[in-house]
Amino acid sequence: MQADRRQRGEPATPDAWSKAALRVSCQPARGWRRWRGLIGRPAPPPGVALRFAFCMAVHTVGMAYAIDVVFVGWDGRVCRVVAGMPAGRLAMCWRARDVLELAAGEAARLGLCAGVAVQAV
């Protein structure tokens, strides 16, 4: 299995994954902010995400703008990216542990795609 990973250019061990992780500046969503999310707020600045820990689904009901939604699994790797999710939608990923909400287009700019290791800072 490690040989297969090396052929695909992936690190051989989970320890190496964390060392090669993409760092994303995150603001934790707790309490009222977790319930409200980005509804009624301006889009986050470039390179900054709102992080929802222990979350598998988000919605954009009441949002005034589209957002990028990044689902991160228990291993710290991106499971799914929903780019430019418009208002009034629901997205979920059963394998996710955390969800990152970013301004539309930020996921592509930062190189976030399925399989990329992410480290919230």
Protein backbone atom coordinates (compact mmCIF):
# COMPACT_ATOMS: atom_id res chain seq x y z
CA MET A 1 0.00 0.00 0.00
CA GLN A 2 2.84 2.41 0.80
CA ALA A 3 4.38 1.67 -2.60
CA ASP A 4 1.07 2.63 -4.26
CA ARG A 5 1.04 5.92 -2.37
CA ARG A 6 4.61 6.68 -3.40
CA GLN A 7 3.74 6.04 -7.06
CA ARG A 8 0.89 8.55 -6.79
CA GLY A 9 3.22 11.07 -5.15
CA GLU A 10 1.49 10.90 -1.76
CA PRO A 11 3.36 10.71 1.55
CA ALA A 12 3.74 7.15 2.81
CA THR A 13 2.56 7.66 6.37
CA PRO A 14 -0.06 9.77 8.19
CA ASP A 15 2.79 11.54 10.05
CA ALA A 16 4.12 12.77 6.72
CA TRP A 17 0.62 13.96 5.75
CA SER A 18 0.49 16.36 8.69
CA LYS A 19 3.92 17.76 7.82
CA ALA A 20 2.81 18.43 4.24
CA ALA A 21 -0.52 20.00 5.28
CA LEU A 22 -1.83 23.19 3.78
CA ARG A 23 -2.29 25.77 6.54
CA VAL A 24 -5.57 27.67 6.61
CA SER A 25 -6.23 30.53 9.04
CA CYS A 26 -9.49 29.61 10.79
CA GLN A 27 -11.81 31.35 13.20
CA PRO A 28 -13.59 28.78 15.40
CA ALA A 29 -17.38 28.91 15.40
CA ARG A 30 -18.69 28.54 18.95
CA GLY A 31 -21.96 29.35 20.66
CA TRP A 32 -24.12 31.90 18.86
CA ARG A 33 -21.57 32.28 16.04
CA ARG A 34 -21.77 28.55 15.33
CA TRP A 35 -25.54 28.71 15.04
CA ARG A 36 -25.44 31.84 12.86
CA GLY A 37 -22.33 31.16 10.80
CA LEU A 38 -21.81 33.72 8.04
CA ILE A 39 -25.50 34.70 7.78
CA GLY A 40 -25.78 38.48 7.90
CA ARG A 41 -22.01 38.96 7.95
CA PRO A 42 -19.60 40.10 5.25
CA ALA A 43 -17.61 37.46 3.39
CA PRO A 44 -14.43 36.36 5.20
CA PRO A 45 -11.19 38.00 4.04
CA PRO A 46 -8.89 36.12 1.63
CA GLY A 47 -7.20 33.10 3.20
CA VAL A 48 -9.48 33.05 6.27
CA ALA A 49 -12.15 30.43 6.96
CA LEU A 50 -14.87 29.97 9.54
CA ARG A 51 -14.35 26.50 11.07
CA PHE A 52 -17.21 24.34 12.34
CA ALA A 53 -15.78 21.47 14.40
CA PHE A 54 -17.66 18.16 14.55
CA CYS A 55 -19.97 19.13 11.69
CA MET A 56 -21.07 17.19 8.60
CA ALA A 57 -23.57 19.59 6.98
CA VAL A 58 -24.09 23.30 6.41
CA HIS A 59 -26.73 25.43 4.72
CA THR A 60 -26.79 28.83 3.05
CA VAL A 61 -30.40 29.76 3.79
CA GLY A 62 -30.48 33.51 4.40
CA MET A 63 -27.04 34.14 2.90
CA ALA A 64 -26.54 37.14 0.63
CA TYR A 65 -23.57 35.69 -1.28
CA ALA A 66 -22.09 32.39 -2.44
CA ILE A 67 -19.40 30.63 -0.37
CA ASP A 68 -16.93 27.79 -0.76
CA VAL A 69 -17.55 24.90 1.62
CA VAL A 70 -14.71 22.50 2.44
CA PHE A 71 -15.42 19.27 4.32
CA VAL A 72 -12.43 17.90 6.25
CA GLY A 73 -12.33 14.26 7.40
CA TRP A 74 -11.08 12.70 10.62
CA ASP A 75 -7.64 12.22 9.06
CA GLY A 76 -7.27 15.96 8.37
CA ARG A 77 -7.68 15.59 4.62
CA VAL A 78 -10.28 17.28 2.45
CA CYS A 79 -13.21 14.94 1.69
CA ARG A 80 -15.28 17.23 -0.48
CA VAL A 81 -15.29 20.81 -1.78
CA VAL A 82 -18.46 22.64 -2.79
CA ALA A 83 -17.26 25.68 -4.74
CA GLY A 84 -19.49 28.72 -5.07
CA MET A 85 -22.41 27.27 -3.11
CA PRO A 86 -25.29 29.73 -3.72
CA ALA A 87 -27.83 30.94 -1.16
CA GLY A 88 -30.63 28.59 -0.15
CA ARG A 89 -28.68 25.33 -0.50
CA LEU A 90 -27.66 22.46 1.75
CA ALA A 91 -24.41 20.49 1.50
CA MET A 92 -23.26 17.50 3.52
CA CYS A 93 -20.53 14.89 3.67
CA TRP A 94 -20.94 11.87 5.95
CA ARG A 95 -17.16 11.34 6.22
CA ALA A 96 -16.48 14.89 7.44
CA ARG A 97 -15.37 15.90 10.92
CA ASP A 98 -15.04 19.65 10.33
CA VAL A 99 -16.40 22.14 7.83
CA LEU A 100 -14.62 25.26 6.59
CA GLU A 101 -16.61 28.15 5.10
CA LEU A 102 -14.60 30.47 2.86
CA ALA A 103 -15.39 33.33 0.50
CA ALA A 104 -16.33 32.12 -3.00
CA GLY A 105 -13.25 31.24 -5.05
CA GLU A 106 -10.91 30.89 -2.07
CA ALA A 107 -10.85 27.08 -2.12
CA ALA A 108 -9.50 27.06 -5.67
CA ARG A 109 -7.07 29.91 -4.93
CA LEU A 110 -5.67 28.04 -1.91
CA GLY A 111 -5.50 24.74 -3.79
CA LEU A 112 -8.06 22.96 -1.61
CA CYS A 113 -9.33 19.82 -3.31
CA ALA A 114 -10.20 16.27 -2.28
CA GLY A 115 -7.23 14.51 -0.67
CA VAL A 116 -5.28 17.63 0.34
CA ALA A 117 -4.22 17.67 3.99
CA VAL A 118 -5.40 20.75 5.89
CA GLN A 119 -4.14 22.17 9.15
CA ALA A 120 -6.30 24.79 10.85
CA VAL A 121 -4.27 27.57 12.45
